[in-house]
Amino acid sequence: VQLQASGGGLVQAGGSLRLSCEASGNMFGNYALAWYRQAPGNQRELVATITNRGSTHYADSVKGRFTVSRDNAKNTMYLQMNSLKPEDTAVYYCSAGLWGTDYWGQGTLVTVSS
């Protein structure tokens, strides 16, 4: 599967962005999906996950502000990001996992200005 992330950009603190991750190939509905982010000088960290059944999990730092969702008919995962903070500035990556194999998309840069 190939993943294409989009939707990043520059936003002021308190603003919102919606990231998208579109996948190619079949069996998208079977994949466990996730968003990660990596800020300059930091390790990549998990932001949110969504299982093939739609169960979600969030990092404590984004709970209540970010919402992950998926549309299997469109082969797309989303990350709605509200109340953005400067510390949310990072390159955001999407990943898909199935049968022990993980696939990664290229990142999309989110910059939150104070």
N, C-alpha and C. Protein backbone atom coordinates (compact mmCIF):
# COMPACT_ATOMS: atom_id res chain seq x y z
N VAL A 1 0.84 -1.18 0.00
CA VAL A 1 0.00 0.00 0.00
C VAL A 1 0.88 1.24 0.00
N GLN A 2 0.45 2.27 -0.71
CA GLN A 2 1.15 3.55 -0.69
C GLN A 2 0.26 4.58 -0.03
N LEU A 3 0.88 5.43 0.80
CA LEU A 3 0.14 6.41 1.58
C LEU A 3 0.57 7.81 1.19
N GLN A 4 -0.40 8.71 1.07
CA GLN A 4 -0.13 10.10 0.71
C GLN A 4 -0.80 11.00 1.72
N ALA A 5 0.02 11.68 2.53
CA ALA A 5 -0.52 12.60 3.52
C ALA A 5 -0.58 14.01 2.94
N SER A 6 -1.59 14.75 3.35
CA SER A 6 -1.75 16.13 2.88
C SER A 6 -2.52 16.93 3.92
N GLY A 7 -2.57 18.24 3.71
CA GLY A 7 -3.37 19.09 4.57
C GLY A 7 -2.60 19.94 5.55
N GLY A 8 -1.29 19.76 5.60
CA GLY A 8 -0.50 20.57 6.51
C GLY A 8 -0.43 22.01 6.06
N GLY A 9 0.09 22.85 6.95
CA GLY A 9 0.23 24.25 6.61
C GLY A 9 0.56 25.08 7.83
N LEU A 10 0.46 26.37 7.66
CA LEU A 10 0.73 27.33 8.73
C LEU A 10 -0.59 27.81 9.30
N VAL A 11 -0.71 27.76 10.62
CA VAL A 11 -1.94 28.18 11.27
C VAL A 11 -1.57 28.88 12.58
N GLN A 12 -2.39 29.81 13.00
CA GLN A 12 -2.17 30.48 14.27
C GLN A 12 -2.62 29.59 15.43
N ALA A 13 -2.03 29.83 16.57
CA ALA A 13 -2.44 29.10 17.77
C ALA A 13 -3.94 29.28 17.99
N GLY A 14 -4.59 28.19 18.36
CA GLY A 14 -6.04 28.20 18.52
C GLY A 14 -6.80 27.82 17.28
N GLY A 15 -6.11 27.75 16.16
CA GLY A 15 -6.76 27.42 14.90
C GLY A 15 -6.91 25.92 14.69
N SER A 16 -7.39 25.58 13.51
CA SER A 16 -7.67 24.18 13.16
C SER A 16 -7.08 23.82 11.81
N LEU A 17 -6.78 22.54 11.66
CA LEU A 17 -6.38 21.97 10.38
C LEU A 17 -6.94 20.57 10.31
N ARG A 18 -7.16 20.09 9.08
CA ARG A 18 -7.53 18.70 8.90
C ARG A 18 -6.53 18.04 7.96
N LEU A 19 -5.87 17.03 8.46
CA LEU A 19 -4.94 16.26 7.66
C LEU A 19 -5.67 15.08 7.03
N SER A 20 -5.22 14.71 5.85
CA SER A 20 -5.76 13.54 5.16
C SER A 20 -4.62 12.59 4.82
N CYS A 21 -4.93 11.32 4.79
CA CYS A 21 -3.97 10.30 4.39
C CYS A 21 -4.70 9.35 3.45
N GLU A 22 -4.39 9.44 2.16
CA GLU A 22 -5.06 8.62 1.17
C GLU A 22 -4.17 7.43 0.81
N ALA A 23 -4.78 6.27 0.76
CA ALA A 23 -4.04 5.04 0.49
C ALA A 23 -4.42 4.45 -0.86
N SER A 24 -3.44 3.85 -1.48
CA SER A 24 -3.69 3.12 -2.71
C SER A 24 -3.89 1.66 -2.38
N GLY A 25 -4.34 0.90 -3.32
CA GLY A 25 -4.44 -0.54 -3.13
C GLY A 25 -5.74 -1.00 -2.51
N ASN A 26 -5.81 -2.30 -2.33
CA ASN A 26 -7.02 -2.91 -1.79
C ASN A 26 -6.88 -3.16 -0.28
N MET A 27 -7.92 -3.61 0.30
CA MET A 27 -7.94 -4.05 1.70
C MET A 27 -7.70 -2.92 2.68
N PHE A 28 -7.96 -1.68 2.27
CA PHE A 28 -7.74 -0.55 3.18
C PHE A 28 -8.51 -0.76 4.47
N GLY A 29 -9.71 -1.28 4.38
CA GLY A 29 -10.54 -1.45 5.57
C GLY A 29 -9.95 -2.40 6.60
N ASN A 30 -8.99 -3.22 6.19
CA ASN A 30 -8.39 -4.18 7.11
C ASN A 30 -7.21 -3.62 7.90
N TYR A 31 -6.72 -2.48 7.47
CA TYR A 31 -5.52 -1.93 8.07
C TYR A 31 -5.80 -1.20 9.38
N ALA A 32 -4.89 -1.35 10.34
CA ALA A 32 -4.83 -0.47 11.49
C ALA A 32 -4.06 0.77 11.04
N LEU A 33 -4.57 1.93 11.38
CA LEU A 33 -3.99 3.18 10.89
C LEU A 33 -3.52 4.06 12.05
N ALA A 34 -2.58 4.91 11.76
CA ALA A 34 -2.05 5.78 12.82
C ALA A 34 -1.48 7.06 12.24
N TRP A 35 -1.49 8.07 13.07
CA TRP A 35 -0.78 9.32 12.81
C TRP A 35 0.37 9.43 13.82
N TYR A 36 1.53 9.80 13.32
CA TYR A 36 2.69 10.11 14.13
C TYR A 36 3.13 11.53 13.80
N ARG A 37 3.97 12.07 14.66
CA ARG A 37 4.57 13.37 14.35
C ARG A 37 6.00 13.42 14.87
N GLN A 38 6.77 14.27 14.22
CA GLN A 38 8.16 14.44 14.63
C GLN A 38 8.50 15.92 14.55
N ALA A 39 8.79 16.48 15.71
CA ALA A 39 9.22 17.87 15.78
C ALA A 39 10.74 17.92 15.63
N PRO A 40 11.28 19.06 15.21
CA PRO A 40 12.73 19.17 15.05
C PRO A 40 13.46 18.82 16.33
N GLY A 41 14.44 17.93 16.20
CA GLY A 41 15.25 17.54 17.34
C GLY A 41 14.61 16.51 18.25
N ASN A 42 13.38 16.11 17.92
CA ASN A 42 12.67 15.14 18.76
C ASN A 42 12.50 13.82 18.03
N GLN A 43 12.20 12.79 18.81
CA GLN A 43 11.88 11.51 18.21
C GLN A 43 10.44 11.52 17.69
N ARG A 44 10.18 10.63 16.75
CA ARG A 44 8.83 10.50 16.25
C ARG A 44 7.93 9.97 17.37
N GLU A 45 6.76 10.55 17.51
CA GLU A 45 5.84 10.13 18.56
C GLU A 45 4.47 9.82 17.99
N LEU A 46 3.80 8.89 18.66
CA LEU A 46 2.46 8.50 18.24
C LEU A 46 1.46 9.58 18.64
N VAL A 47 0.60 9.94 17.72
CA VAL A 47 -0.42 10.94 17.98
C VAL A 47 -1.79 10.29 18.18
N ALA A 48 -2.19 9.42 17.25
CA ALA A 48 -3.51 8.81 17.32
C ALA A 48 -3.53 7.54 16.48
N THR A 49 -4.37 6.61 16.89
CA THR A 49 -4.54 5.38 16.13
C THR A 49 -6.03 5.11 15.94
N ILE A 50 -6.33 4.35 14.90
CA ILE A 50 -7.69 3.90 14.67
C ILE A 50 -7.63 2.48 14.10
N THR A 51 -8.34 1.57 14.73
CA THR A 51 -8.29 0.18 14.29
C THR A 51 -9.21 -0.04 13.09
N ASN A 52 -9.16 -1.25 12.56
CA ASN A 52 -10.02 -1.56 11.43
C ASN A 52 -11.49 -1.54 11.83
N ARG A 53 -11.75 -1.65 13.12
CA ARG A 53 -13.13 -1.60 13.60
C ARG A 53 -13.55 -0.19 14.02
N GLY A 54 -12.62 0.75 13.96
CA GLY A 54 -12.94 2.14 14.29
C GLY A 54 -12.65 2.56 15.70
N SER A 55 -12.02 1.70 16.48
CA SER A 55 -11.63 2.10 17.83
C SER A 55 -10.44 3.05 17.76
N THR A 56 -10.47 4.06 18.60
CA THR A 56 -9.44 5.10 18.54
C THR A 56 -8.67 5.20 19.85
N HIS A 57 -7.47 5.73 19.71
CA HIS A 57 -6.60 5.98 20.86
C HIS A 57 -5.80 7.23 20.57
N TYR A 58 -5.59 8.04 21.63
CA TYR A 58 -4.89 9.31 21.46
C TYR A 58 -3.77 9.47 22.47
N ALA A 59 -2.74 10.16 22.07
CA ALA A 59 -1.72 10.59 23.01
C ALA A 59 -2.36 11.59 23.97
N ASP A 60 -1.88 11.58 25.20
CA ASP A 60 -2.45 12.48 26.20
C ASP A 60 -2.36 13.94 25.75
N SER A 61 -1.32 14.27 25.04
CA SER A 61 -1.09 15.67 24.66
C SER A 61 -2.12 16.20 23.66
N VAL A 62 -2.86 15.30 23.00
CA VAL A 62 -3.81 15.76 21.99
C VAL A 62 -5.25 15.38 22.32
N LYS A 63 -5.45 14.65 23.40
CA LYS A 63 -6.81 14.24 23.78
C LYS A 63 -7.72 15.45 23.95
N GLY A 64 -8.91 15.33 23.38
CA GLY A 64 -9.88 16.42 23.47
C GLY A 64 -9.70 17.49 22.42
N ARG A 65 -8.58 17.45 21.69
CA ARG A 65 -8.33 18.46 20.65
C ARG A 65 -8.28 17.84 19.25
N PHE A 66 -7.78 16.64 19.16
CA PHE A 66 -7.62 15.97 17.87
C PHE A 66 -8.63 14.83 17.76
N THR A 67 -9.07 14.58 16.54
CA THR A 67 -9.98 13.47 16.26
C THR A 67 -9.51 12.73 15.02
N VAL A 68 -9.29 11.44 15.16
CA VAL A 68 -8.91 10.60 14.03
C VAL A 68 -10.15 9.87 13.52
N SER A 69 -10.24 9.74 12.22
CA SER A 69 -11.37 9.04 11.61
C SER A 69 -10.90 8.39 10.32
N ARG A 70 -11.74 7.53 9.78
CA ARG A 70 -11.41 6.89 8.52
C ARG A 70 -12.65 6.73 7.67
N ASP A 71 -12.46 6.78 6.37
CA ASP A 71 -13.53 6.55 5.41
C ASP A 71 -13.03 5.44 4.49
N ASN A 72 -13.45 4.23 4.77
CA ASN A 72 -12.93 3.10 4.01
C ASN A 72 -13.36 3.14 2.54
N ALA A 73 -14.50 3.75 2.28
CA ALA A 73 -14.97 3.85 0.89
C ALA A 73 -14.05 4.75 0.06
N LYS A 74 -13.39 5.67 0.75
CA LYS A 74 -12.48 6.60 0.06
C LYS A 74 -11.02 6.26 0.28
N ASN A 75 -10.76 5.15 0.99
CA ASN A 75 -9.38 4.77 1.29
C ASN A 75 -8.62 5.90 1.97
N THR A 76 -9.26 6.59 2.88
CA THR A 76 -8.67 7.78 3.47
C THR A 76 -8.85 7.81 4.98
N MET A 77 -7.80 8.26 5.65
CA MET A 77 -7.84 8.52 7.09
C MET A 77 -7.69 10.03 7.28
N TYR A 78 -8.31 10.54 8.33
CA TYR A 78 -8.26 11.97 8.60
C TYR A 78 -7.75 12.22 10.02
N LEU A 79 -7.22 13.41 10.23
CA LEU A 79 -6.90 13.88 11.56
C LEU A 79 -7.39 15.32 11.66
N GLN A 80 -8.48 15.49 12.38
CA GLN A 80 -9.00 16.84 12.63
C GLN A 80 -8.29 17.39 13.86
N MET A 81 -7.63 18.50 13.69
CA MET A 81 -6.84 19.10 14.75
C MET A 81 -7.42 20.45 15.10
N ASN A 82 -7.92 20.58 16.31
CA ASN A 82 -8.49 21.83 16.79
C ASN A 82 -7.67 22.38 17.95
N SER A 83 -7.89 23.63 18.26
CA SER A 83 -7.18 24.29 19.38
C SER A 83 -5.69 24.04 19.29
N LEU A 84 -5.14 24.26 18.14
CA LEU A 84 -3.73 23.96 17.92
C LEU A 84 -2.83 24.85 18.76
N LYS A 85 -1.72 24.26 19.19
CA LYS A 85 -0.75 24.94 20.02
C LYS A 85 0.60 24.97 19.30
N PRO A 86 1.45 25.91 19.64
CA PRO A 86 2.79 25.93 19.00
C PRO A 86 3.53 24.61 19.17
N GLU A 87 3.31 23.92 20.28
CA GLU A 87 4.00 22.64 20.49
C GLU A 87 3.47 21.52 19.61
N ASP A 88 2.41 21.78 18.86
CA ASP A 88 1.93 20.80 17.88
C ASP A 88 2.71 20.90 16.57
N THR A 89 3.57 21.89 16.46
CA THR A 89 4.38 22.05 15.26
C THR A 89 5.26 20.82 15.04
N ALA A 90 5.14 20.21 13.88
CA ALA A 90 5.87 18.98 13.58
C ALA A 90 5.56 18.55 12.14
N VAL A 91 6.33 17.59 11.68
CA VAL A 91 5.97 16.88 10.47
C VAL A 91 5.08 15.71 10.89
N TYR A 92 3.93 15.62 10.28
CA TYR A 92 2.96 14.57 10.62
C TYR A 92 3.01 13.48 9.56
N TYR A 93 3.08 12.24 10.04
CA TYR A 93 3.17 11.07 9.17
C TYR A 93 1.99 10.15 9.42
N CYS A 94 1.51 9.51 8.36
CA CYS A 94 0.50 8.48 8.55
C CYS A 94 1.13 7.11 8.27
N SER A 95 0.57 6.12 8.94
CA SER A 95 1.06 4.76 8.74
C SER A 95 -0.12 3.80 8.73
N ALA A 96 0.12 2.67 8.10
CA ALA A 96 -0.88 1.61 8.01
C ALA A 96 -0.20 0.30 8.32
N GLY A 97 -0.85 -0.53 9.10
CA GLY A 97 -0.26 -1.80 9.50
C GLY A 97 -1.21 -2.96 9.29
N LEU A 98 -0.65 -4.05 8.80
CA LEU A 98 -1.45 -5.26 8.59
C LEU A 98 -0.51 -6.45 8.59
N TRP A 99 -0.87 -7.48 9.36
CA TRP A 99 -0.11 -8.73 9.40
C TRP A 99 1.37 -8.49 9.69
N GLY A 100 1.65 -7.58 10.61
CA GLY A 100 3.02 -7.36 11.06
C GLY A 100 3.85 -6.47 10.17
N THR A 101 3.27 -5.94 9.13
CA THR A 101 4.01 -5.05 8.23
C THR A 101 3.44 -3.65 8.32
N ASP A 102 4.32 -2.68 8.47
CA ASP A 102 3.91 -1.28 8.55
C ASP A 102 4.33 -0.54 7.29
N TYR A 103 3.45 0.33 6.84
CA TYR A 103 3.72 1.17 5.69
C TYR A 103 3.64 2.63 6.14
N TRP A 104 4.46 3.45 5.51
CA TRP A 104 4.53 4.86 5.90
C TRP A 104 4.34 5.75 4.69
N GLY A 105 3.66 6.87 4.93
CA GLY A 105 3.57 7.90 3.92
C GLY A 105 4.64 8.95 4.14
N GLN A 106 4.78 9.85 3.20
CA GLN A 106 5.66 10.99 3.41
C GLN A 106 4.98 11.94 4.38
N GLY A 107 5.71 12.77 5.01
CA GLY A 107 5.12 13.64 6.01
C GLY A 107 4.50 14.89 5.42
N THR A 108 3.67 15.53 6.24
CA THR A 108 3.12 16.83 5.89
C THR A 108 3.39 17.76 7.07
N LEU A 109 3.92 18.94 6.77
CA LEU A 109 4.38 19.85 7.81
C LEU A 109 3.24 20.70 8.35
N VAL A 110 3.12 20.70 9.67
CA VAL A 110 2.18 21.56 10.37
C VAL A 110 2.98 22.55 11.21
N THR A 111 2.74 23.82 11.00
CA THR A 111 3.42 24.87 11.75
C THR A 111 2.37 25.72 12.44
N VAL A 112 2.47 25.81 13.76
CA VAL A 112 1.53 26.59 14.55
C VAL A 112 2.27 27.79 15.13
N SER A 113 1.85 28.96 14.75
CA SER A 113 2.50 30.18 15.22
C SER A 113 1.81 30.70 16.48
N SER A 114 2.60 31.31 17.34
CA SER A 114 2.05 31.82 18.60
C SER A 114 1.58 33.26 18.45
